[in-house]
Structures are given as C-alpha cells and as structure tokens.
Amino acid sequence: MTTELDLKILKLGLKQDMNKETFGDQYMSCSVELSAATGVGFNMGPLKAEVSAGVGARAEFDRNGLRDFILKASAGISAGTDVMDGASMLGVGAGDLSIDANVTGQISILSGKSSVEGGGMLEGVNKL
C-alpha cells in the first residue's frame, strides 16, 4: 500500500506491505520532501510577464536507513500580450501571443545522478 500526503510545502510518502502483521514488519520505505516556490508577474498596458523559481529537497528512507537525498531547483519565465480577452473572428478563436521557457533540475547527493528537463522554448532539453 502506498500512502501520500501533499501539503503545499511538505510531501510525505509511505510504502507498506499489508500482508505483514505489525507496522515494523509492514514498513518498506518512506520519503519526506520540502519545497518552496515564488513568482512575480506584472501587466503593463498590453504586455504581461512572469518570472518564477523554486527549490526543494527530498530524503528517501528504506529499512536500512537513508537511501537517497535529492536537491531540486526550477526556474521559469513567460512573456506575452494581454490585449484580446476571449475574442473571436468569424467564429475562429483568437488569442494573445505568449512565450515561455522553464527548466527543472535535480541531483542526488548520494549517487551523483542528475537530470535537467526543459519546457516551453526549452522543450527537448533533457541533459546538460
């Protein structure tokens, strides 16, 4: 059985083998993740922009103790226009111009494994 609790800045996970009798025997692994993110944006006339960033850390434990410790980071930026509000031309939807780029990375402190993924204009970036 897998149990997860997701409170905005805190995530907890627990895996158990419910075929065992006591909690000590049922326990297989657990994880604790702390994260924080912030962003700022503005609308100035027909232009809008937003910048965001986040950091986090995740600890994973199994029956033998600490299995992994992972650091995470993310950053993103978006810009566009704020002129049309649900407008349509002859029944064809029209929308504002918008571009964005974001990147998310993580590294395991114990194993050294890392990954980087991009989105938006950075779509397809999966390793630096």
Protein backbone atom coordinates (compact mmCIF):
# COMPACT_ATOMS: atom_id res chain seq x y z
CA MET A 1 0.00 0.00 0.00
CA THR A 2 1.26 3.46 -0.83
CA THR A 3 0.13 6.45 1.23
CA GLU A 4 0.87 10.04 0.18
CA LEU A 5 0.20 13.34 1.91
CA ASP A 6 0.76 16.51 -0.11
CA LEU A 7 0.70 19.76 1.87
CA LYS A 8 1.89 22.56 -0.40
CA ILE A 9 5.43 22.80 1.01
CA LEU A 10 5.65 19.32 2.58
CA LYS A 11 5.11 15.94 0.89
CA LEU A 12 5.18 12.67 2.78
CA GLY A 13 5.09 9.17 1.31
CA LEU A 14 4.91 5.73 2.92
CA LYS A 15 5.04 2.27 1.35
CA GLN A 16 3.88 -0.74 3.35
CA ASP A 17 3.43 -4.48 2.81
CA MET A 18 -0.01 -5.00 4.32
CA ASN A 19 0.41 -8.81 4.31
CA LYS A 20 2.58 -8.44 7.44
CA GLU A 21 1.17 -8.15 10.94
CA THR A 22 2.96 -5.26 12.69
CA PHE A 23 3.88 -1.81 11.42
CA GLY A 24 7.57 -2.60 11.87
CA ASP A 25 7.22 -5.57 9.54
CA GLN A 26 4.90 -3.71 7.14
CA TYR A 27 7.26 -0.75 6.65
CA MET A 28 9.09 -0.82 3.31
CA SER A 29 10.10 2.79 2.61
CA CYS A 30 9.15 6.42 3.12
CA SER A 31 10.03 9.84 1.74
CA VAL A 32 9.96 13.40 3.02
CA GLU A 33 10.10 16.36 0.64
CA LEU A 34 10.25 20.06 1.48
CA SER A 35 9.86 22.66 -1.26
CA ALA A 36 9.24 26.35 -1.74
CA ALA A 37 8.45 28.39 -4.83
CA THR A 38 7.84 32.01 -5.60
CA GLY A 39 6.93 34.06 -8.60
CA VAL A 40 6.35 37.63 -9.60
CA GLY A 41 4.46 38.97 -12.56
CA PHE A 42 3.16 42.21 -13.95
CA ASN A 43 0.76 43.60 -16.53
CA MET A 44 1.75 46.91 -18.09
CA GLY A 45 -0.61 48.03 -20.79
CA PRO A 46 -0.78 45.35 -23.46
CA LEU A 47 2.25 43.44 -22.12
CA LYS A 48 2.50 40.86 -19.36
CA ALA A 49 5.42 38.92 -17.91
CA GLU A 50 6.11 36.49 -15.10
CA VAL A 51 9.23 35.01 -13.51
CA SER A 52 9.19 32.06 -11.10
CA ALA A 53 11.71 29.99 -9.16
CA GLY A 54 11.58 27.07 -6.76
CA VAL A 55 13.86 24.87 -4.65
CA GLY A 56 13.35 21.63 -2.78
CA ALA A 57 14.97 18.71 -1.04
CA ARG A 58 13.81 15.10 -0.80
CA ALA A 59 15.02 12.40 1.59
CA GLU A 60 14.18 8.75 0.90
CA PHE A 61 14.46 6.06 3.56
CA ASP A 62 14.15 2.29 3.44
CA ARG A 63 14.58 -0.45 6.06
CA ASN A 64 18.36 0.18 6.12
CA GLY A 65 18.13 3.95 6.69
CA LEU A 66 18.79 6.86 4.34
CA ARG A 67 18.62 5.60 0.75
CA ASP A 68 18.90 8.89 -1.16
CA PHE A 69 18.95 12.66 -0.69
CA ILE A 70 17.93 14.76 -3.70
CA LEU A 71 18.18 18.52 -4.26
CA LYS A 72 15.78 20.10 -6.77
CA ALA A 73 15.58 23.52 -8.45
CA SER A 74 13.35 25.09 -11.08
CA ALA A 75 13.09 28.41 -12.89
CA GLY A 76 10.72 29.79 -15.48
CA ILE A 77 9.88 32.91 -17.41
CA SER A 78 6.93 33.84 -19.57
CA ALA A 79 6.02 36.92 -21.56
CA GLY A 80 3.18 37.87 -23.83
CA THR A 81 0.39 40.25 -24.67
CA ASP A 82 -2.80 40.94 -22.78
CA VAL A 83 -4.98 42.53 -25.45
CA MET A 84 -7.62 40.00 -26.52
CA ASP A 85 -9.91 38.61 -23.88
CA GLY A 86 -11.69 35.63 -25.43
CA ALA A 87 -12.09 37.39 -28.75
CA SER A 88 -13.15 35.56 -31.89
CA MET A 89 -13.10 36.44 -35.55
CA LEU A 90 -15.88 34.86 -37.65
CA GLY A 91 -16.23 32.04 -35.13
CA VAL A 92 -12.50 31.28 -35.08
CA GLY A 93 -10.90 31.79 -31.66
CA ALA A 94 -8.13 34.34 -31.42
CA GLY A 95 -5.75 34.72 -28.53
CA ASP A 96 -2.88 36.70 -27.20
CA LEU A 97 0.73 35.97 -28.05
CA SER A 98 2.57 34.14 -25.27
CA ILE A 99 6.02 32.58 -25.00
CA ASP A 100 7.55 30.76 -22.07
CA ALA A 101 10.66 28.87 -21.07
CA ASN A 102 11.32 26.79 -17.97
CA VAL A 103 13.92 24.40 -16.69
CA THR A 104 13.86 21.88 -13.83
CA GLY A 105 16.86 20.04 -12.47
CA GLN A 106 17.70 17.65 -9.69
CA ILE A 107 20.79 15.95 -8.32
CA SER A 108 21.22 13.05 -5.93
CA ILE A 109 23.77 13.86 -3.25
CA LEU A 110 24.48 10.18 -2.55
CA SER A 111 24.70 8.71 -6.06
CA GLY A 112 25.62 11.85 -8.04
CA LYS A 113 22.91 11.14 -10.63
CA SER A 114 21.37 14.27 -12.07
CA SER A 115 18.76 15.31 -14.60
CA VAL A 116 17.70 18.52 -16.31
CA GLU A 117 14.45 18.97 -18.22
CA GLY A 118 13.25 21.96 -20.19
CA GLY A 119 9.79 23.13 -21.16
CA GLY A 120 8.29 25.77 -23.39
CA MET A 121 11.00 27.20 -25.63
CA LEU A 122 13.45 24.82 -23.94
CA GLU A 123 11.33 21.74 -24.74
CA GLY A 124 13.57 18.81 -25.55
CA VAL A 125 16.38 19.88 -23.24
CA ASN A 126 16.87 16.78 -21.14
CA LYS A 127 20.53 16.81 -20.25
CA LEU A 128 23.20 19.47 -19.94
